Amino acid sequence: MKPKFDYLDTTEASQLEGLSEVLIQINRSAAVVKGGRRFSFSALTVAGNRSGTVGQGFGKARQVPNAIEKATKDARKHMLRVPLTPDGSIPHEVNGRYCGSMVRLIPAAPGTGVIAGSSVRAVCEMAGVKNILSKAYGSTNPVNLVKATFHALTQLRTREQVAQLRGVELT
């Protein structure tokens, strides 16, 4: 079952400033045709403002620069807000799944840093997470790991959100 993400609406995402992008992977595929091989490229990027908003994008084209441009545009289109604690961590432990990949994100004490593989690290750094522990299980395909990390980030709730859902007051 593939998770459905709750992205920011386009007007809110277009007003974001200070977005930076990170290229995670470029993949080359070849189709064998009569004259030889025809190559196409796909790019995976993560965009974020490093203070609670992050997006991921995937683009395909016949040339690398066009694929990167499409992926960047897709990342800006699929932005997600991430709740962070004052010390730059996540509120609670969470698991995310996508296809054959599973990611566990664990909050860490201040000064720990981002302890994660390259794909999960890129997402966490673009989201503005400064202290986190992570573990990837199953497939380590970067596309699936990024989507599993996004699935985990969509499950995060602050204390206020949980109190409101339960209908209780915080003391």
C-alpha atoms as a PDB file:
ATOM      1  CA  MET A   1       0.000   0.000   0.000  1.00  0.00           C
ATOM      2  CA  LYS A   2       1.478   3.336  -1.045  1.00  0.00           C
ATOM      3  CA  PRO A   3       0.985   6.197   1.417  1.00  0.00           C
ATOM      4  CA  LYS A   4      -0.848   9.384   0.483  1.00  0.00           C
ATOM      5  CA  PHE A   5       1.060  12.532   1.445  1.00  0.00           C
ATOM      6  CA  ASP A   6      -0.540  15.706   2.792  1.00  0.00           C
ATOM      7  CA  TYR A   7       1.304  18.378   0.806  1.00  0.00           C
ATOM      8  CA  LEU A   8       1.097  22.174   1.164  1.00  0.00           C
ATOM      9  CA  ASP A   9      -1.314  23.867  -1.231  1.00  0.00           C
ATOM     10  CA  THR A  10       0.289  25.587  -4.220  1.00  0.00           C
ATOM     11  CA  THR A  11      -0.294  29.174  -3.055  1.00  0.00           C
ATOM     12  CA  GLU A  12       1.384  28.492   0.291  1.00  0.00           C
ATOM     13  CA  ALA A  13       4.284  26.650  -1.351  1.00  0.00           C
ATOM     14  CA  SER A  14       4.877  29.407  -3.927  1.00  0.00           C
ATOM     15  CA  GLN A  15       5.261  32.015  -1.144  1.00  0.00           C
ATOM     16  CA  LEU A  16       8.149  30.166   0.502  1.00  0.00           C
ATOM     17  CA  GLU A  17      11.492  31.941   0.317  1.00  0.00           C
ATOM     18  CA  GLY A  18      15.017  30.723   0.819  1.00  0.00           C
ATOM     19  CA  LEU A  19      14.472  27.285  -0.718  1.00  0.00           C
ATOM     20  CA  SER A  20      17.569  25.301  -1.583  1.00  0.00           C
ATOM     21  CA  GLU A  21      17.790  22.032  -3.486  1.00  0.00           C
ATOM     22  CA  VAL A  22      19.937  18.923  -3.181  1.00  0.00           C
ATOM     23  CA  LEU A  23      20.385  16.450  -6.011  1.00  0.00           C
ATOM     24  CA  ILE A  24      20.260  12.935  -4.568  1.00  0.00           C
ATOM     25  CA  GLN A  25      20.498  10.670  -7.594  1.00  0.00           C
ATOM     26  CA  ILE A  26      20.723  10.657 -11.374  1.00  0.00           C
ATOM     27  CA  ASN A  27      19.756   7.418 -13.084  1.00  0.00           C
ATOM     28  CA  ARG A  28      20.484   6.532 -16.707  1.00  0.00           C
ATOM     29  CA  SER A  29      18.363   4.062 -18.624  1.00  0.00           C
ATOM     30  CA  ALA A  30      18.794   2.879 -22.195  1.00  0.00           C
ATOM     31  CA  ALA A  31      16.332   1.739 -24.820  1.00  0.00           C
ATOM     32  CA  VAL A  32      17.822  -0.287 -27.643  1.00  0.00           C
ATOM     33  CA  VAL A  33      16.498   0.950 -30.984  1.00  0.00           C
ATOM     34  CA  LYS A  34      17.398   0.328 -34.620  1.00  0.00           C
ATOM     35  CA  GLY A  35      20.260   2.840 -34.683  1.00  0.00           C
ATOM     36  CA  GLY A  36      21.777   1.900 -31.329  1.00  0.00           C
ATOM     37  CA  ARG A  37      20.934   2.904 -27.788  1.00  0.00           C
ATOM     38  CA  ARG A  38      18.691   5.783 -26.802  1.00  0.00           C
ATOM     39  CA  PHE A  39      19.476   7.088 -23.322  1.00  0.00           C
ATOM     40  CA  SER A  40      17.110   8.822 -20.936  1.00  0.00           C
ATOM     41  CA  PHE A  41      17.849  10.193 -17.498  1.00  0.00           C
ATOM     42  CA  SER A  42      15.880  10.526 -14.271  1.00  0.00           C
ATOM     43  CA  ALA A  43      16.767  12.789 -11.365  1.00  0.00           C
ATOM     44  CA  LEU A  44      15.717  12.769  -7.704  1.00  0.00           C
ATOM     45  CA  THR A  45      15.930  16.057  -5.773  1.00  0.00           C
ATOM     46  CA  VAL A  46      14.936  17.346  -2.354  1.00  0.00           C
ATOM     47  CA  ALA A  47      14.118  21.023  -1.760  1.00  0.00           C
ATOM     48  CA  GLY A  48      13.634  22.765   1.569  1.00  0.00           C
ATOM     49  CA  ASN A  49      14.067  25.963   3.537  1.00  0.00           C
ATOM     50  CA  ARG A  50      15.918  24.254   6.441  1.00  0.00           C
ATOM     51  CA  SER A  51      13.316  25.438   8.933  1.00  0.00           C
ATOM     52  CA  GLY A  52      10.410  23.000   8.781  1.00  0.00           C
ATOM     53  CA  THR A  53       9.412  22.766   5.112  1.00  0.00           C
ATOM     54  CA  VAL A  54      10.694  20.115   2.708  1.00  0.00           C
ATOM     55  CA  GLY A  55       9.670  18.664  -0.661  1.00  0.00           C
ATOM     56  CA  GLN A  56      10.806  15.868  -2.938  1.00  0.00           C
ATOM     57  CA  GLY A  57      10.701  15.683  -6.714  1.00  0.00           C
ATOM     58  CA  PHE A  58      11.395  13.218  -9.485  1.00  0.00           C
ATOM     59  CA  GLY A  59      11.933  14.201 -13.116  1.00  0.00           C
ATOM     60  CA  LYS A  60      12.712  12.380 -16.348  1.00  0.00           C
ATOM     61  CA  ALA A  61      14.137  13.728 -19.601  1.00  0.00           C
ATOM     62  CA  ARG A  62      16.448  12.907 -22.508  1.00  0.00           C
ATOM     63  CA  GLN A  63      19.229  15.150 -21.115  1.00  0.00           C
ATOM     64  CA  VAL A  64      20.524  15.458 -17.535  1.00  0.00           C
ATOM     65  CA  PRO A  65      19.947  19.234 -17.085  1.00  0.00           C
ATOM     66  CA  ASN A  66      16.315  18.937 -18.190  1.00  0.00           C
ATOM     67  CA  ALA A  67      15.741  16.014 -15.812  1.00  0.00           C
ATOM     68  CA  ILE A  68      17.212  18.014 -12.904  1.00  0.00           C
ATOM     69  CA  GLU A  69      15.082  21.040 -13.787  1.00  0.00           C
ATOM     70  CA  LYS A  70      11.907  18.919 -13.887  1.00  0.00           C
ATOM     71  CA  ALA A  71      12.785  17.254 -10.573  1.00  0.00           C
ATOM     72  CA  THR A  72      13.420  20.638  -8.928  1.00  0.00           C
ATOM     73  CA  LYS A  73      10.090  21.978 -10.166  1.00  0.00           C
ATOM     74  CA  ASP A  74       8.360  18.821  -8.889  1.00  0.00           C
ATOM     75  CA  ALA A  75      10.050  19.187  -5.484  1.00  0.00           C
ATOM     76  CA  ARG A  76       8.797  22.777  -5.152  1.00  0.00           C
ATOM     77  CA  LYS A  77       5.319  21.516  -6.027  1.00  0.00           C
ATOM     78  CA  HIS A  78       5.299  18.767  -3.375  1.00  0.00           C
ATOM     79  CA  MET A  79       6.211  20.641  -0.183  1.00  0.00           C
ATOM     80  CA  LEU A  80       5.471  19.273   3.283  1.00  0.00           C
ATOM     81  CA  ARG A  81       5.531  20.998   6.684  1.00  0.00           C
ATOM     82  CA  VAL A  82       7.494  19.148   9.388  1.00  0.00           C
ATOM     83  CA  PRO A  83       6.910  19.801  13.119  1.00  0.00           C
ATOM     84  CA  LEU A  84      10.209  20.347  14.933  1.00  0.00           C
ATOM     85  CA  THR A  85      11.078  20.656  18.621  1.00  0.00           C
ATOM     86  CA  PRO A  86      12.920  23.756  19.901  1.00  0.00           C
ATOM     87  CA  ASP A  87      16.217  21.821  20.054  1.00  0.00           C
ATOM     88  CA  GLY A  88      15.978  20.861  16.348  1.00  0.00           C
ATOM     89  CA  SER A  89      14.721  17.290  16.636  1.00  0.00           C
ATOM     90  CA  ILE A  90      11.423  15.552  15.868  1.00  0.00           C
ATOM     91  CA  PRO A  91       8.663  15.235  18.498  1.00  0.00           C
ATOM     92  CA  HIS A  92       8.576  11.421  18.694  1.00  0.00           C
ATOM     93  CA  GLU A  93       9.825   8.183  17.144  1.00  0.00           C
ATOM     94  CA  VAL A  94       8.157   7.238  13.869  1.00  0.00           C
ATOM     95  CA  ASN A  95       8.388   4.582  11.130  1.00  0.00           C
ATOM     96  CA  GLY A  96       7.803   5.129   7.428  1.00  0.00           C
ATOM     97  CA  ARG A  97       7.309   2.605   4.657  1.00  0.00           C
ATOM     98  CA  TYR A  98       7.336   2.817   0.907  1.00  0.00           C
ATOM     99  CA  CYS A  99       7.451  -0.285  -1.319  1.00  0.00           C
ATOM    100  CA  GLY A 100      10.420  -2.371  -0.097  1.00  0.00           C
ATOM    101  CA  SER A 101      11.977   0.325   2.095  1.00  0.00           C
ATOM    102  CA  MET A 102      11.336   1.103   5.740  1.00  0.00           C
ATOM    103  CA  VAL A 103      12.850   4.015   7.675  1.00  0.00           C
ATOM    104  CA  ARG A 104      12.821   4.537  11.453  1.00  0.00           C
ATOM    105  CA  LEU A 105      13.362   8.110  12.669  1.00  0.00           C
ATOM    106  CA  ILE A 106      14.280   8.549  16.344  1.00  0.00           C
ATOM    107  CA  PRO A 107      14.563  11.909  18.142  1.00  0.00           C
ATOM    108  CA  ALA A 108      18.028  12.630  19.521  1.00  0.00           C
ATOM    109  CA  ALA A 109      19.525  14.811  22.248  1.00  0.00           C
ATOM    110  CA  PRO A 110      21.010  18.210  21.343  1.00  0.00           C
ATOM    111  CA  GLY A 111      24.514  17.907  19.898  1.00  0.00           C
ATOM    112  CA  THR A 112      23.948  14.476  18.348  1.00  0.00           C
ATOM    113  CA  GLY A 113      23.693  15.708  14.757  1.00  0.00           C
ATOM    114  CA  VAL A 114      22.046  13.959  11.821  1.00  0.00           C
ATOM    115  CA  ILE A 115      22.978  10.291  11.921  1.00  0.00           C
ATOM    116  CA  ALA A 116      21.499   8.899   8.708  1.00  0.00           C
ATOM    117  CA  GLY A 117      22.353   7.549   5.289  1.00  0.00           C
ATOM    118  CA  SER A 118      22.742   9.909   2.355  1.00  0.00           C
ATOM    119  CA  SER A 119      19.110   9.891   1.152  1.00  0.00           C
ATOM    120  CA  VAL A 120      17.520  10.237   4.596  1.00  0.00           C
ATOM    121  CA  ARG A 121      20.195  12.775   5.613  1.00  0.00           C
ATOM    122  CA  ALA A 122      19.351  15.012   2.632  1.00  0.00           C
ATOM    123  CA  VAL A 123      15.646  15.032   3.534  1.00  0.00           C
ATOM    124  CA  CYS A 124      16.309  15.701   7.230  1.00  0.00           C
ATOM    125  CA  GLU A 125      18.807  18.497   6.553  1.00  0.00           C
ATOM    126  CA  MET A 126      16.499  20.227   4.068  1.00  0.00           C
ATOM    127  CA  ALA A 127      13.670  19.976   6.626  1.00  0.00           C
ATOM    128  CA  GLY A 128      15.819  21.677   9.254  1.00  0.00           C
ATOM    129  CA  VAL A 129      16.255  18.690  11.565  1.00  0.00           C
ATOM    130  CA  LYS A 130      19.525  19.083  13.477  1.00  0.00           C
ATOM    131  CA  ASN A 131      19.451  16.097  15.872  1.00  0.00           C
ATOM    132  CA  ILE A 132      18.088  12.752  14.732  1.00  0.00           C
ATOM    133  CA  LEU A 133      18.936   9.050  14.605  1.00  0.00           C
ATOM    134  CA  SER A 134      17.692   6.911  11.721  1.00  0.00           C
ATOM    135  CA  LYS A 135      17.841   3.361  10.478  1.00  0.00           C
ATOM    136  CA  ALA A 136      16.901   2.069   7.048  1.00  0.00           C
ATOM    137  CA  TYR A 137      15.524  -1.459   6.665  1.00  0.00           C
ATOM    138  CA  GLY A 138      14.909  -3.436   3.491  1.00  0.00           C
ATOM    139  CA  SER A 139      15.648  -1.870   0.138  1.00  0.00           C
ATOM    140  CA  THR A 140      18.175   0.976   0.056  1.00  0.00           C
ATOM    141  CA  ASN A 141      16.957   2.332  -3.278  1.00  0.00           C
ATOM    142  CA  PRO A 142      17.280   6.139  -2.866  1.00  0.00           C
ATOM    143  CA  VAL A 143      13.875   6.866  -4.446  1.00  0.00           C
ATOM    144  CA  ASN A 144      12.066   4.488  -2.084  1.00  0.00           C
ATOM    145  CA  LEU A 145      14.077   5.680   0.938  1.00  0.00           C
ATOM    146  CA  VAL A 146      13.170   9.324   0.280  1.00  0.00           C
ATOM    147  CA  LYS A 147       9.489   8.445  -0.091  1.00  0.00           C
ATOM    148  CA  ALA A 148       9.600   6.279   3.063  1.00  0.00           C
ATOM    149  CA  THR A 149      11.184   9.209   4.942  1.00  0.00           C
ATOM    150  CA  PHE A 150       8.393  11.478   3.724  1.00  0.00           C
ATOM    151  CA  HIS A 151       5.837   8.923   4.883  1.00  0.00           C
ATOM    152  CA  ALA A 152       7.457   8.973   8.320  1.00  0.00           C
ATOM    153  CA  LEU A 153       7.495  12.785   8.418  1.00  0.00           C
ATOM    154  CA  THR A 154       3.774  12.952   7.580  1.00  0.00           C
ATOM    155  CA  GLN A 155       3.014  10.910  10.714  1.00  0.00           C
ATOM    156  CA  LEU A 156       4.680  13.392  13.082  1.00  0.00           C
ATOM    157  CA  ARG A 157       2.354  15.205  15.510  1.00  0.00           C
ATOM    158  CA  THR A 158       3.084  17.889  18.095  1.00  0.00           C
ATOM    159  CA  ARG A 159       1.774  17.708  21.660  1.00  0.00           C
ATOM    160  CA  GLU A 160      -0.795  20.392  20.821  1.00  0.00           C
ATOM    161  CA  GLN A 161      -2.095  18.481  17.789  1.00  0.00           C
ATOM    162  CA  VAL A 162      -2.491  15.266  19.799  1.00  0.00           C
ATOM    163  CA  ALA A 163      -4.262  17.116  22.634  1.00  0.00           C
ATOM    164  CA  GLN A 164      -6.651  18.704  20.155  1.00  0.00           C
ATOM    165  CA  LEU A 165      -7.381  15.326  18.496  1.00  0.00           C
ATOM    166  CA  ARG A 166      -8.087  13.723  21.875  1.00  0.00           C
ATOM    167  CA  GLY A 167     -10.093  16.691  23.136  1.00  0.00           C
ATOM    168  CA  VAL A 168      -8.014  17.263  26.280  1.00  0.00           C
ATOM    169  CA  GLU A 169      -6.129  20.239  27.656  1.00  0.00           C
ATOM    170  CA  LEU A 170      -2.384  20.326  28.238  1.00  0.00           C
ATOM    171  CA  THR A 171      -1.253  21.235  31.723  1.00  0.00           C
END
